[in-house]
Protein backbone atom coordinates (compact mmCIF):
# COMPACT_ATOMS: atom_id res chain seq x y z
CA GLN A 1 128.46 -28.33 33.93
CA MET A 2 132.59 -28.43 34.41
CA TRP A 3 132.31 -31.50 36.20
CA ALA A 4 130.00 -33.13 33.54
CA ARG A 5 132.38 -32.13 30.77
CA GLN A 6 135.24 -33.32 32.25
CA SER A 7 133.78 -36.67 33.23
CA TRP A 8 132.21 -36.97 29.88
CA PRO A 9 135.58 -38.31 27.65
CA SER A 10 136.26 -40.96 30.53
CA LEU A 11 132.89 -41.77 30.34
CA ILE A 12 133.36 -41.99 26.31
CA SER A 13 135.80 -44.13 26.38
CA TRP A 14 134.27 -46.79 28.48
CA ARG A 15 131.25 -46.87 26.34
CA ASN A 16 133.57 -47.47 22.86
CA ASN A 17 135.79 -50.15 24.88
CA CYS A 18 132.32 -51.52 26.05
CA LYS A 19 130.89 -51.03 22.65
CA GLU A 20 127.81 -50.10 24.43
CA ALA A 21 125.01 -47.16 24.02
CA LEU A 22 123.87 -45.33 26.39
CA GLN A 23 120.38 -44.16 27.30
CA TYR A 24 119.79 -41.23 29.79
CA VAL A 25 117.72 -41.96 32.95
CA GLY A 26 117.87 -39.24 35.38
CA ARG A 27 120.60 -38.10 37.83
CA GLY A 28 120.51 -37.01 41.45
CA SER A 29 122.84 -35.32 44.23
CA GLU A 30 125.88 -37.33 43.59
CA GLY A 31 125.91 -38.13 40.00
CA VAL A 32 124.35 -39.00 36.71
CA VAL A 33 122.63 -42.37 35.51
CA PHE A 34 122.64 -44.13 32.03
CA ARG A 35 121.25 -47.49 31.30
CA THR A 36 123.30 -50.06 28.69
CA GLN A 37 121.70 -51.80 26.17
CA ALA A 38 122.98 -54.99 28.41
CA ASP A 39 120.50 -53.78 31.32
CA GLN A 40 123.34 -52.64 32.96
CA LYS A 41 123.32 -49.45 35.43
CA VAL A 42 126.05 -46.71 34.93
CA LYS A 43 126.27 -44.20 37.37
CA ILE A 44 129.01 -41.01 36.81
CA PHE A 45 130.55 -39.69 39.97
CA ASN A 46 133.19 -36.66 40.67
CA ALA A 47 136.55 -38.08 40.96
CA GLY A 48 136.27 -36.90 44.48
CA LEU A 49 134.01 -39.57 45.66
CA ARG A 50 136.58 -41.82 45.24
CA GLU A 51 137.70 -43.03 48.45
CA LYS A 52 134.18 -42.99 49.71
CA LEU A 53 132.74 -45.25 46.76
CA ARG A 54 136.18 -47.44 47.32
CA GLY A 55 135.23 -48.27 51.20
CA ALA A 56 131.47 -48.20 50.09
CA LEU A 57 131.48 -51.21 47.36
CA SER A 58 133.92 -52.80 49.70
CA ILE A 59 131.29 -53.02 52.52
CA LEU A 60 128.11 -54.07 50.16
CA GLY A 61 130.41 -57.23 49.38
CA ASP A 62 127.84 -59.86 47.63
CA TRP A 63 124.48 -57.85 48.18
CA THR A 64 124.28 -56.30 44.47
CA ASN A 65 126.34 -57.38 41.62
CA CYS A 66 128.43 -53.82 41.45
CA GLU A 67 131.85 -52.55 39.46
CA LEU A 68 133.54 -49.49 39.77
CA VAL A 69 135.34 -48.70 37.49
CA GLU A 70 138.00 -45.53 37.96
CA ALA A 71 139.42 -43.14 35.37
CA GLU A 72 141.47 -39.73 35.08
CA THR A 73 139.06 -37.76 35.76
CA CYS A 74 135.63 -39.61 37.67
CA CYS A 75 134.49 -42.68 38.37
CA PHE A 76 131.49 -44.77 37.88
CA VAL A 77 129.66 -47.72 39.08
CA VAL A 78 128.24 -50.31 36.78
CA ALA A 79 125.39 -52.39 37.78
CA ASP A 80 122.37 -54.42 36.88
CA TYR A 81 119.92 -52.20 35.94
CA VAL A 82 116.83 -53.61 37.81
CA GLU A 83 113.29 -53.84 36.27
CA GLY A 84 110.49 -52.94 38.22
CA GLN A 85 107.67 -50.59 39.52
CA PRO A 86 108.36 -47.41 41.43
CA TYR A 87 108.05 -47.69 45.52
CA GLU A 88 105.42 -45.93 46.55
CA GLY A 89 104.64 -47.47 49.86
CA GLY A 90 103.07 -50.74 51.76
CA HIS A 91 104.52 -54.36 49.65
CA GLY A 92 105.33 -55.00 54.07
CA GLN A 93 107.04 -58.66 53.47
CA ALA A 94 108.97 -56.95 51.02
CA VAL A 95 109.86 -54.25 53.27
CA LEU A 96 110.69 -56.98 55.73
CA HIS A 97 113.10 -59.13 53.54
CA PHE A 98 114.88 -56.33 52.64
CA ALA A 99 115.29 -54.88 56.62
CA GLN A 100 115.95 -58.87 57.09
CA SER A 101 118.43 -59.42 54.48
CA VAL A 102 120.52 -56.48 56.23
CA LEU A 103 120.67 -57.69 59.45
CA LYS A 104 121.16 -61.10 58.52
CA ARG A 105 124.56 -59.51 57.35
CA ARG A 106 125.76 -57.08 59.82
CA ARG A 107 127.40 -55.74 57.33
CA PHE A 108 126.39 -52.53 55.84
CA VAL A 109 123.17 -49.84 55.59
CA PHE A 110 121.62 -47.63 53.80
CA GLN A 111 121.60 -44.39 54.72
CA ASN A 112 120.08 -43.46 51.43
CA VAL A 113 116.60 -45.04 51.89
CA SER A 114 113.74 -43.03 50.21
CA PRO A 115 110.73 -44.20 47.38
CA SER A 116 112.62 -42.49 45.01
CA ASN A 117 116.20 -44.69 45.54
CA LEU A 118 113.97 -48.17 45.79
CA VAL A 119 112.54 -50.07 43.17
CA VAL A 120 109.85 -53.24 43.44
CA ASP A 121 111.35 -55.66 40.72
CA THR A 122 109.24 -58.63 38.68
CA HIS A 123 109.27 -61.21 41.49
CA GLY A 124 108.10 -58.82 44.35
CA THR A 125 111.74 -57.53 46.05
CA LEU A 126 112.66 -54.66 47.19
CA ARG A 127 115.50 -53.56 45.48
CA MET A 128 117.87 -50.22 46.64
CA VAL A 129 118.83 -49.44 43.06
CA ASP A 130 120.70 -45.97 44.17
CA VAL A 131 123.99 -47.42 45.42
CA GLY A 132 126.49 -44.64 46.08
CA THR A 133 128.66 -43.37 49.28
CA ASP A 134 125.54 -43.48 51.51
CA ILE A 135 126.56 -46.32 52.61
CA MET A 136 128.24 -46.83 55.85
CA ALA A 137 129.43 -50.19 58.00
CA PHE A 138 126.60 -51.46 60.50
CA SER A 139 126.23 -50.58 63.67
CA ASP A 140 122.20 -50.93 65.77
CA ALA A 141 122.47 -47.51 66.03
CA ASP A 142 122.15 -46.63 62.47
CA PHE A 143 120.32 -50.07 61.15
CA GLN A 144 117.50 -48.16 63.72
CA ALA A 145 117.78 -45.17 61.43
CA MET A 146 117.47 -46.65 58.28
CA CYS A 147 114.35 -49.13 59.72
CA ARG A 148 113.12 -45.95 60.94
CA LYS A 149 112.96 -44.03 57.38
CA LEU A 150 111.55 -47.80 55.71
CA PHE A 151 108.78 -47.72 57.98
CA LEU A 152 108.22 -44.48 57.16
CA CYS A 153 108.21 -44.84 53.50
CA PHE A 154 105.78 -47.88 54.31
CA ARG A 155 103.38 -46.13 55.96
CA PHE A 156 103.88 -42.87 53.67
CA GLY A 157 105.28 -44.03 50.40
CA ALA A 158 101.79 -43.77 48.50
CA TRP A 159 102.17 -39.58 49.24
CA CYS A 160 104.61 -39.33 46.36
CA LYS A 161 101.89 -39.72 44.13
CA LYS A 162 100.79 -36.73 45.04
CA GLU A 163 101.65 -32.83 44.44
CA GLY A 164 104.02 -31.69 46.91
CA GLY A 165 104.20 -35.49 48.72
CA ALA A 166 107.63 -36.27 47.92
CA SER A 167 109.66 -33.00 49.86
CA LYS A 168 106.97 -33.93 52.53
CA LEU A 169 108.04 -37.53 53.23
CA SER A 170 111.91 -36.43 52.44
CA ALA A 171 111.09 -34.22 55.50
CA LEU A 172 110.04 -36.44 57.43
CA LEU A 173 112.73 -39.49 56.44
CA SER A 174 114.88 -36.24 57.74
CA ARG A 175 113.27 -36.18 60.90
CA SER A 176 113.69 -39.28 62.00
CA LEU A 177 117.22 -39.56 62.42
CA HIS A 178 116.94 -37.21 65.14
CA GLU A 179 113.38 -38.24 66.37
CA ALA A 180 112.88 -42.16 67.17
CA ASP A 181 109.38 -40.82 69.12
CA MET A 182 107.46 -38.75 66.46
CA PRO A 183 103.94 -39.90 65.85
CA GLU A 184 104.43 -40.63 62.54
CA LEU A 185 106.46 -43.66 64.05
CA SER A 186 103.52 -45.08 65.82
CA GLY A 187 103.77 -49.17 65.36
CA PHE A 188 107.14 -49.20 64.64
CA GLY A 189 108.18 -51.21 67.18
CA HIS A 190 106.10 -53.78 65.90
CA PHE A 191 108.01 -53.27 62.97
CA MET A 192 111.26 -54.17 64.56
CA ARG A 193 109.68 -57.29 66.38
CA ALA A 194 108.97 -58.89 62.85
CA VAL A 195 112.46 -57.65 61.86
CA GLN A 196 114.10 -59.33 64.38
CA ASP A 197 111.74 -62.19 64.62
CA SER A 198 112.88 -63.83 61.32
CA GLY A 199 111.08 -67.26 62.45
CA ASP A 200 108.19 -69.11 60.66
CA PRO A 201 104.81 -70.23 62.61
CA ASP A 202 106.44 -74.06 63.52
CA SER A 203 109.38 -72.50 65.09
CA ARG A 204 107.16 -70.49 67.22
CA LEU A 205 104.89 -72.90 68.17
CA TYR A 206 107.59 -75.07 68.92
CA ALA A 207 109.84 -73.09 71.11
CA ARG A 208 106.74 -72.20 72.91
CA LEU A 209 105.87 -75.43 73.66
CA CYS A 210 109.19 -76.83 74.44
CA THR A 211 109.00 -74.49 77.02
CA GLU A 212 105.80 -74.81 78.41
CA ILE A 213 107.01 -78.60 79.02
CA THR A 214 109.99 -77.73 80.82
CA LYS A 215 107.97 -75.70 82.97
CA ARG A 216 105.85 -78.66 83.48
CA MET A 217 108.52 -80.83 84.54
CA GLU A 218 110.27 -78.28 87.39
CA LYS A 219 106.24 -77.91 88.28
CA VAL A 220 106.65 -81.93 89.19
CA GLY A 221 109.79 -82.13 90.43
CA SER A 222 110.52 -85.37 88.47
CA PRO A 223 113.55 -86.13 86.20
CA ILE A 224 111.44 -89.13 84.46
CA LEU A 225 109.41 -87.30 81.60
CA ASP A 226 106.55 -89.91 79.72
CA LEU A 227 105.75 -87.64 76.62
CA LEU A 228 103.14 -88.27 73.79
CA ASP A 229 103.20 -86.29 70.54
CA TYR A 230 99.25 -86.84 69.62
CA GLY A 231 99.06 -86.19 65.77
CA CYS A 232 102.61 -86.32 65.43
CA GLY A 233 103.14 -86.19 61.68
CA ARG A 234 106.26 -86.86 60.69
CA GLY A 235 107.92 -86.32 63.93
CA ARG A 236 109.47 -82.39 63.77
CA LEU A 237 108.24 -82.17 67.17
CA LEU A 238 108.93 -84.76 68.71
CA LYS A 239 112.81 -84.43 66.89
CA ARG A 240 112.93 -81.00 68.38
CA LEU A 241 111.44 -81.43 71.51
CA GLU A 242 114.28 -84.12 72.33
CA SER A 243 116.92 -81.71 71.21
CA HIS A 244 115.89 -79.11 73.92
CA LEU A 245 115.13 -81.49 77.04
CA ARG A 246 119.10 -83.00 75.75
CA SER A 247 120.18 -79.28 75.89
CA GLU A 248 118.17 -78.25 79.11
CA CYS A 249 120.55 -81.12 81.00
CA ALA A 250 123.17 -80.35 79.19
CA ALA A 251 122.75 -77.23 80.85
CA THR A 252 121.85 -78.02 84.54
CA GLY A 253 124.82 -80.78 84.57
CA GLY A 254 121.21 -83.41 85.52
CA THR A 255 120.27 -86.30 83.67
CA ALA A 256 116.92 -87.07 82.57
CA GLU A 257 115.43 -90.52 81.52
CA HIS A 258 112.31 -90.07 79.00
CA ARG A 259 110.38 -91.14 76.78
CA TYR A 260 109.29 -89.61 73.43
CA VAL A 261 105.75 -92.21 71.82
CA GLY A 262 104.51 -90.48 68.29
CA TYR A 263 101.16 -91.29 67.31
CA ASP A 264 99.06 -90.65 64.04
CA PRO A 265 95.94 -91.71 62.86
CA ALA A 266 97.88 -92.05 59.33
CA GLU A 267 98.90 -95.58 58.05
CA SER A 268 101.80 -93.98 56.07
CA ARG A 269 103.38 -92.57 59.17
CA LYS A 270 104.72 -95.59 60.21
CA SER A 271 106.78 -96.26 57.86
CA GLU A 272 107.96 -92.68 56.97
CA TRP A 273 109.05 -93.03 60.79
CA THR A 274 110.88 -96.30 59.80
CA ALA A 275 112.91 -94.51 56.69
CA ASN A 276 113.42 -90.94 58.71
CA PRO A 277 116.63 -91.89 60.33
CA TYR A 278 117.04 -88.38 62.49
CA ILE A 279 114.65 -89.31 64.68
CA LYS A 280 116.39 -91.37 67.21
CA HIS A 281 114.91 -91.84 70.69
CA ALA A 282 111.44 -91.77 69.66
CA GLU A 283 108.90 -94.63 69.04
CA PHE A 284 105.69 -94.46 66.92
CA PHE A 285 103.01 -96.19 68.01
CA ASP A 286 99.88 -97.77 65.97
CA ASP A 287 96.70 -98.46 67.98
CA THR A 288 97.32 -101.19 69.04
CA ARG A 289 100.33 -100.47 71.22
CA LEU A 290 98.24 -97.41 72.87
CA ILE A 291 95.80 -99.04 74.88
CA LYS A 292 95.90 -99.16 78.40
CA GLN A 293 99.30 -96.43 77.93
CA GLU A 294 99.31 -93.19 79.99
CA PHE A 295 101.58 -90.05 79.96
CA ASP A 296 103.12 -87.36 81.57
CA ILE A 297 102.08 -84.82 79.38
CA VAL A 298 100.25 -85.54 75.87
CA VAL A 299 100.77 -82.83 73.15
CA CYS A 300 98.11 -82.12 70.40
CA SER A 301 99.40 -79.67 68.09
CA ARG A 302 97.46 -78.15 65.51
CA VAL A 303 95.37 -81.54 65.20
CA LEU A 304 91.97 -80.09 66.32
CA CYS A 305 91.45 -77.59 63.29
CA MET A 306 92.06 -80.16 60.87
CA LEU A 307 88.80 -82.25 62.10
CA PRO A 308 86.01 -81.30 59.69
CA ASP A 309 83.13 -82.92 62.32
CA GLU A 310 82.28 -81.84 65.50
CA ASP A 311 81.45 -85.24 66.63
CA GLU A 312 85.34 -86.51 65.72
CA LEU A 313 86.68 -83.31 67.55
CA PHE A 314 84.79 -84.33 70.74
CA LYS A 315 86.59 -87.70 70.24
CA VAL A 316 89.93 -86.77 69.48
CA ILE A 317 89.82 -84.54 72.82
CA CYS A 318 88.19 -87.46 74.74
CA ASP A 319 90.85 -89.26 73.55
CA VAL A 320 93.61 -87.30 74.68
CA ARG A 321 92.35 -86.86 77.99
CA ARG A 322 92.08 -90.66 77.99
CA PHE A 323 96.45 -90.81 78.21
CA VAL A 324 96.72 -88.38 80.42
CA ARG A 325 98.37 -89.51 83.48
CA SER A 326 96.77 -89.00 87.15
CA GLY A 327 98.66 -85.82 87.92
CA GLY A 328 99.73 -85.09 84.13
CA ALA A 329 98.33 -82.25 81.86
CA ALA A 330 97.59 -82.03 78.27
CA LEU A 331 99.36 -79.13 75.66
CA VAL A 332 97.31 -78.42 73.42
CA ALA A 333 97.29 -75.92 70.47
CA ILE A 334 95.09 -74.57 68.15
CA CYS A 335 95.21 -71.68 65.29
CA ASP A 336 94.06 -68.67 66.45
CA PRO A 337 90.63 -68.81 65.52
CA LEU A 338 90.07 -65.09 65.82
CA PHE A 339 92.50 -64.43 63.17
CA ASP A 340 92.81 -68.06 61.20
CA LYS A 341 90.76 -66.93 58.37
CA PRO A 342 90.71 -66.56 54.83
CA VAL A 343 92.02 -63.35 53.89
CA ASP A 344 89.75 -62.64 50.77
CA GLU A 345 86.12 -64.48 51.99
CA PRO A 346 85.70 -62.71 55.16
CA GLN A 347 83.71 -65.16 57.69
CA ASP A 348 81.85 -65.26 60.59
CA ALA A 349 84.19 -65.80 63.72
CA ALA A 350 81.38 -66.74 65.71
CA ARG A 351 80.44 -69.68 63.38
CA SER A 352 81.93 -72.63 62.24
CA TYR A 353 83.24 -73.72 58.50
CA SER A 354 86.18 -75.53 56.06
CA TRP A 355 88.52 -73.44 54.13
CA MET A 356 91.81 -74.55 52.57
CA LYS A 357 94.42 -72.79 53.65
CA THR A 358 97.99 -72.26 52.54
CA THR A 359 101.01 -72.71 55.27
CA SER A 360 104.17 -70.33 55.58
CA THR A 361 106.06 -72.95 53.83
CA GLY A 362 103.66 -72.90 50.46
CA TYR A 363 101.29 -76.39 51.52
CA VAL A 364 97.70 -76.20 51.27
CA ARG A 365 95.25 -78.65 53.49
CA PRO A 366 91.76 -78.35 54.61
CA GLU A 367 91.03 -76.34 57.80
CA ARG A 368 88.25 -76.23 59.89
CA HIS A 369 87.54 -73.07 61.74
CA ARG A 370 85.29 -73.19 65.10
CA PRO A 371 84.53 -70.63 67.25
CA LEU A 372 86.80 -70.58 70.28
CA HIS A 373 83.78 -71.14 72.63
CA LEU A 374 83.13 -74.72 71.34
CA TYR A 375 86.34 -75.52 71.72
CA ARG A 376 86.49 -74.70 75.63
CA ARG A 377 83.06 -76.24 76.29
CA LEU A 378 84.49 -79.57 74.48
CA PHE A 379 87.42 -79.56 76.70
CA ARG A 380 85.46 -79.26 80.10
CA ARG A 381 82.57 -81.68 78.34
CA ALA A 382 85.51 -84.36 77.74
CA GLY A 383 86.14 -83.67 81.58
CA PHE A 384 89.11 -81.62 81.31
CA ALA A 385 89.84 -78.14 83.68
CA ILE A 386 91.68 -75.36 81.31
CA VAL A 387 94.46 -74.23 83.86
CA ASP A 388 96.30 -71.68 81.43
CA GLU A 389 95.25 -70.48 77.88
CA GLN A 390 97.55 -68.27 76.37
CA ARG A 391 97.74 -66.46 73.07
CA LEU A 392 101.00 -66.63 70.60
CA ASN A 393 100.89 -63.64 69.12
CA PHE A 394 102.64 -62.56 66.13
CA ILE A 395 103.16 -59.56 63.76
CA ASP A 396 101.50 -58.90 60.29
CA SER A 397 103.32 -58.53 57.78
CA ASP A 398 100.58 -56.74 56.11
CA ARG A 399 100.40 -54.13 58.43
CA PHE A 400 102.75 -54.91 61.30
CA GLU A 401 100.43 -54.98 63.38
CA VAL A 402 100.14 -57.50 66.26
CA LYS A 403 97.50 -60.69 65.77
CA GLY A 404 97.12 -64.00 67.24
CA GLU A 405 98.98 -67.22 65.48
CA HIS A 406 98.14 -69.63 67.86
CA LEU A 407 95.92 -70.60 71.04
CA LEU A 408 98.07 -72.57 73.59
CA PHE A 409 95.75 -74.80 76.51
CA THR A 410 97.12 -76.38 79.28
CA LEU A 411 94.97 -78.71 80.67
CA GLU A 412 94.66 -81.05 83.51
CA LYS A 413 92.31 -83.74 84.00
CA SER A 414 88.88 -82.68 86.12
CA ILE A 415 84.87 -84.74 86.52
CA PRO A 416 83.32 -84.22 83.33
CA PRO A 417 79.81 -82.57 83.97
CA SER A 418 76.78 -84.30 84.61
CA VAL A 419 74.49 -81.15 84.45
CA THR A 420 71.95 -80.46 81.13
CA LEU A 421 71.43 -76.96 80.97
CA MET A 422 67.92 -76.80 79.59
CA ILE A 423 66.15 -72.87 78.32
CA LYS A 424 62.32 -73.23 77.88
CA SER A 425 61.41 -70.74 74.74
CA CYS A 426 58.39 -69.83 72.81
CA PRO A 427 57.31 -67.89 69.68
CA LEU A 428 56.29 -64.87 72.25
CA GLU A 429 60.43 -64.00 72.02
CA PHE A 430 60.77 -64.00 68.34
CA GLN A 431 62.84 -60.85 68.83
CA THR A 432 64.96 -61.35 71.72
CA LEU A 433 65.91 -64.94 71.41
CA ALA A 434 69.15 -64.77 70.02
CA PRO A 435 71.01 -62.11 72.02
CA LEU A 436 68.97 -62.75 75.69
CA VAL A 437 70.27 -67.41 74.95
CA GLU A 438 73.41 -66.17 73.70
CA HIS A 439 74.33 -64.34 76.51
CA LYS A 440 72.91 -66.71 79.58
CA VAL A 441 75.10 -69.60 77.87
CA ARG A 442 78.40 -67.40 78.13
CA GLN A 443 78.15 -65.93 81.25
CA LEU A 444 77.55 -69.62 83.01
CA GLU A 445 80.07 -71.14 80.57
CA GLN A 446 82.85 -68.67 81.71
CA ASN A 447 84.17 -70.96 84.12
CA SER A 448 82.15 -74.64 83.74
CA ALA A 449 80.84 -76.57 81.29
CA PHE A 450 77.11 -78.12 81.24
CA ALA A 451 77.13 -82.19 79.50
CA LYS A 452 74.05 -80.38 77.02
CA ILE A 453 72.83 -77.41 76.64
CA VAL A 454 68.63 -77.23 75.13
CA LEU A 455 66.26 -74.88 74.21
CA VAL A 456 63.17 -76.10 74.86
CA VAL A 457 60.78 -74.56 71.89
CA ASP A 458 57.30 -74.62 72.56
CA ARG A 459 54.54 -74.56 69.69
CA SER A 460 51.54 -75.44 71.41
CA LYS A 461 50.45 -71.32 71.33
CA GLN A 462 51.36 -69.86 68.37
CA THR A 463 48.81 -66.37 69.87
CA ASP A 464 47.57 -65.49 72.85
CA PHE A 465 50.17 -65.30 74.91
CA LEU A 466 49.72 -64.66 78.52
CA ARG A 467 51.65 -61.01 79.38
CA ASP A 468 51.11 -60.68 74.92
CA TYR A 469 54.29 -57.83 74.28
CA THR A 470 54.04 -58.40 70.26
CA PRO A 471 53.28 -55.76 68.20
CA GLN A 472 49.49 -55.69 68.27
CA ASP A 473 49.10 -55.59 63.90
CA GLY A 474 52.33 -57.81 63.47
CA ASP A 475 52.36 -60.64 60.63
CA VAL A 476 52.10 -64.02 62.85
CA SER A 477 53.97 -65.79 60.02
CA GLU A 478 56.81 -62.90 59.43
CA GLN A 479 57.14 -63.55 63.25
CA LEU A 480 57.25 -67.10 63.13
CA ASP A 481 59.87 -66.87 60.43
CA SER A 482 62.06 -64.59 62.90
CA TYR A 483 61.48 -67.28 65.66
CA ASN A 484 62.51 -70.23 63.75
CA GLU A 485 65.59 -68.26 62.18
CA ALA A 486 67.11 -66.80 65.91
CA ILE A 487 66.80 -71.10 67.07
CA SER A 488 68.63 -72.29 63.82
CA GLY A 489 71.45 -68.99 63.83
CA LEU A 490 72.13 -70.02 68.15
CA LYS A 491 72.70 -73.97 66.59
CA ARG A 492 74.76 -73.07 63.53
CA HIS A 493 77.04 -70.97 66.08
CA HIS A 494 77.47 -73.67 68.85
CA ILE A 495 75.58 -71.54 71.32
CA ILE A 496 72.97 -74.72 72.22
CA ASP A 497 73.58 -78.67 71.21
CA GLU A 498 70.47 -79.39 70.99
CA VAL A 499 66.31 -78.27 70.07
CA LEU A 500 63.55 -80.36 71.17
CA GLU A 501 60.56 -79.13 69.66
CA PHE A 502 57.20 -79.83 71.92
CA ASP A 503 53.30 -79.20 70.34
CA ALA A 504 50.20 -79.61 71.24
CA SER A 505 49.89 -83.32 70.43
CA ASN A 506 52.83 -84.28 73.25
CA ALA A 507 50.20 -83.04 76.30
CA ALA A 508 48.24 -85.82 76.82
CA ALA A 509 51.64 -88.19 77.17
CA VAL A 510 52.59 -85.17 79.79
CA ASN A 511 49.32 -85.68 82.06
CA GLU A 512 49.29 -89.13 82.42
CA SER A 513 53.18 -89.46 83.39
CA TRP A 514 53.00 -87.03 85.25
CA PHE A 515 49.24 -86.21 86.77
CA GLY A 516 47.59 -89.74 86.28
CA VAL A 517 45.27 -87.88 84.15
CA ASP A 518 43.33 -87.82 81.05
CA SER A 519 43.77 -84.28 79.15
CA ARG A 520 45.31 -82.75 76.00
CA ALA A 521 45.45 -79.37 78.05
CA ALA A 522 49.03 -77.98 77.73
CA HIS A 523 48.63 -75.13 80.04
CA SER A 524 47.05 -74.56 82.94
CA ALA A 525 43.71 -72.93 83.65
CA GLY A 526 45.11 -69.17 84.15
CA GLY A 527 47.35 -69.56 81.15
CA ALA A 528 50.24 -70.56 82.23
CA GLN A 529 52.53 -73.41 80.57
CA TYR A 530 53.42 -76.50 82.20
CA ALA A 531 53.39 -79.38 80.04
CA SER A 532 56.80 -78.89 77.46
CA THR A 533 58.53 -78.29 80.49
CA LEU A 534 57.35 -81.52 82.26
CA TRP A 535 58.05 -83.26 78.70
CA ALA A 536 61.66 -81.41 78.02
CA PHE A 537 62.65 -82.95 81.93
CA ASP A 538 61.54 -86.46 80.41
CA SER A 539 64.16 -85.82 77.86
CA CYS A 540 67.16 -85.05 79.26
CA GLU A 541 69.35 -88.05 80.16
CA THR A 542 71.23 -86.45 83.08
CA GLU A 543 70.22 -86.96 87.03
CA LEU A 544 70.67 -83.21 87.15
CA VAL A 545 68.89 -80.25 85.12
CA LEU A 546 69.04 -76.31 85.34
CA GLN A 547 66.28 -75.02 83.81
CA MET A 548 64.81 -71.55 83.50
CA ASP A 549 63.34 -69.20 80.69
CA ALA A 550 64.76 -67.70 78.42
CA ASP A 551 63.71 -64.27 78.68
CA ILE A 552 65.37 -64.18 81.74
CA PHE A 553 68.64 -61.75 82.68
């Protein structure tokens, strides 16, 4: 009270000089806060804190617009009043940006981080509203301590909504200054990784591609490199690669002869390259110039996940293989299908669908989500061996958890598969068809692929099966509906490529061509089927067929 009586005349004097009416806001451990009509905040401090305030504000620099007003009995800080909502946890992006802004300047840290001193402004930015003596010169240890407090506020800020929650959180914040391994800080390492990684998805992917190309050159041992960027767009990746490889050569004191070629099916890209002066050491090839060309490395970055059609997807993969020189490799990057999908409309990761994706730069583009096993199958089917598969992770700023951002495949030429996988089924398997077929296909495709996977559906019998295990009182029409839905699901989820439908009308042709007899029988005298399998053999185009029943384990 004595301090307030001493400081009040100085504040009244300042107010009269500025012609400002003051509105009481609140008080803290260091002083009392008022708001002016001009949306400024005035915080009064005891004169004994004058030197510490001078030092703190000199460290802050341009972080915030603050003015220190000194009077005989007190001093006060005048700053812009921040409109917004009290911080109550969450807002991962804003918390991350706050920490990165402090790290970028490397001039100061805040010791008084707590929800009561933070506000989320009308733009969604996290703002420190209590500027006082708790501002210290930057050090790595103090920055870590500040970030521990930020992380705890992010995770447990909602406690402040409950009675006694604010004091409970305050105790946690105090403990974190000395207990860096406290259980409540689980996941803090991911938070710090996100703080220190300020790169965008493009930069992270380009950096990894540069690293992989350098490793590939070291493996081959050749200073000469022919490189094609398939689907080059504006040439950003080639510019980054050219700069990286030039720096690598300068660092090792060597010389290198590299040829950089960009290809993009969009006609507009050629004129963009012509008008783009920073791509000095790269050429743009159209379809005509690209014919019969081969390269040591073909990069295909985030092209496949933009193709809307599976047939076109396979054609592009075959194109990429065609341009890879013997002994060369393709580096193919796709958006990670396990994580890259709509947030507001969660979809089944096992099926294909199209959606509009908003990139980190705000650009909206069409994207085609496909299950991962389909990419692997088509790579192998086109004649590629998957030499390496890397998941490029990042830290999701909404929850500060590890998520996959891109998948990077290193592919080398191999012999395309020449075997058809033929799986025979009938309506008897209406309950087991989907899981058993999917299990077999995934097991057999772990390290190889088939030229085609076909499901033979034998509809020559609907009931009275040999060794019938269906429910005796079951509804046959419902069982057939379940069977048909299982077949549709296997096709929709890209487990099988084709369905071959056999019914009794096909039996006569099978008996004539295979046995030279005139018969419409599809089953033997003992009840075993044979006609659907033989008919399906005739339908397969490859020389070799691996045939199995759907119910085999």
